[in-house]
């Protein structure tokens, strides 16, 4: 569990809102998924949602000028 949390934090740092604010959402999602897969993270979902629809999910990136967020959730 600790290694998954650490990997999420690495992904979040790699995908700061400033660095990816203008990036297309699907491009950002592909990049983050590749990083998580490269670290052998399994059982997760990445979703693109409107900024005001994040809910309880962990935000790991921002796209479309900050209008949308990339969220990470652990599948059960």
Protein backbone atom coordinates (compact mmCIF):
# COMPACT_ATOMS: atom_id res chain seq x y z
CA UNK A 1 0.00 0.00 0.00
CA UNK A 2 2.82 2.41 0.83
CA UNK A 3 4.49 1.81 -2.53
CA UNK A 4 1.23 2.58 -4.34
CA UNK A 5 0.84 5.83 -2.43
CA UNK A 6 4.43 6.75 -3.25
CA UNK A 7 3.85 6.04 -6.93
CA UNK A 8 0.74 8.18 -6.92
CA UNK A 9 2.70 11.03 -5.40
CA UNK A 10 5.39 10.63 -8.08
CA UNK A 11 2.72 10.73 -10.76
CA UNK A 12 1.19 13.83 -9.19
CA UNK A 13 4.52 15.61 -9.10
CA UNK A 14 5.19 14.67 -12.70
CA UNK A 15 1.79 16.01 -13.74
CA UNK A 16 1.52 19.36 -12.01
CA UNK A 17 -1.27 21.63 -13.12
CA UNK A 18 1.16 24.26 -14.39
CA UNK A 19 3.14 21.83 -16.50
CA UNK A 20 0.09 20.26 -18.14
CA UNK A 21 -2.64 22.90 -18.00
CA UNK A 22 -2.82 23.29 -21.77
CA UNK A 23 -2.26 19.61 -22.56
CA UNK A 24 -4.98 17.55 -24.19
CA UNK A 25 -6.66 15.30 -21.63
CA UNK A 26 -6.22 12.03 -23.51
CA UNK A 27 -2.52 12.78 -24.05
CA UNK A 28 -2.04 13.43 -20.33
CA UNK A 29 -4.02 10.31 -19.42
CA UNK A 30 -1.83 8.20 -21.72
CA UNK A 31 1.37 9.63 -20.20
CA UNK A 32 0.27 9.05 -16.60
CA UNK A 33 -0.96 5.52 -17.40
CA UNK A 34 2.38 4.70 -19.01
CA UNK A 35 4.23 5.87 -15.88
CA UNK A 36 1.99 3.87 -13.56
CA UNK A 37 2.21 0.78 -15.78
CA UNK A 38 6.00 1.19 -15.90
CA UNK A 39 6.02 1.01 -12.11
CA UNK A 40 3.81 -2.12 -12.22
CA UNK A 41 0.85 -0.41 -10.56
CA UNK A 42 -2.26 -2.54 -11.05
CA UNK A 43 -5.94 -2.11 -10.32
CA UNK A 44 -6.39 1.60 -10.89
CA UNK A 45 -8.63 3.84 -12.97
CA UNK A 46 -7.74 7.17 -14.53
CA UNK A 47 -10.68 9.37 -15.43
CA UNK A 48 -11.01 12.80 -16.99
CA UNK A 49 -13.65 14.85 -15.17
CA UNK A 50 -14.78 18.46 -15.02
CA UNK A 51 -12.88 20.40 -12.37
CA UNK A 52 -15.99 20.76 -10.24
CA UNK A 53 -16.82 17.03 -10.43
CA UNK A 54 -13.69 15.56 -8.81
CA UNK A 55 -15.39 14.19 -5.69
CA UNK A 56 -13.27 11.89 -3.49
CA UNK A 57 -10.85 10.88 -6.25
CA UNK A 58 -7.19 11.92 -6.09
CA UNK A 59 -6.29 14.52 -8.74
CA UNK A 60 -3.09 13.58 -10.58
CA UNK A 61 -3.21 16.14 -13.38
CA UNK A 62 -4.98 19.02 -15.03
CA UNK A 63 -5.78 19.52 -18.70
CA UNK A 64 -7.68 21.73 -21.12
CA UNK A 65 -6.45 24.88 -19.43
CA UNK A 66 -7.51 23.67 -15.98
CA UNK A 67 -11.13 23.05 -17.01
CA UNK A 68 -10.72 19.29 -16.50
CA UNK A 69 -8.84 17.12 -14.02
CA UNK A 70 -7.29 13.69 -14.36
CA UNK A 71 -8.24 11.58 -11.36
CA UNK A 72 -6.80 8.36 -9.95
CA UNK A 73 -8.89 5.82 -8.09
CA UNK A 74 -7.90 2.40 -6.83
CA UNK A 75 -10.15 -0.38 -8.07
CA UNK A 76 -11.41 -2.82 -5.47
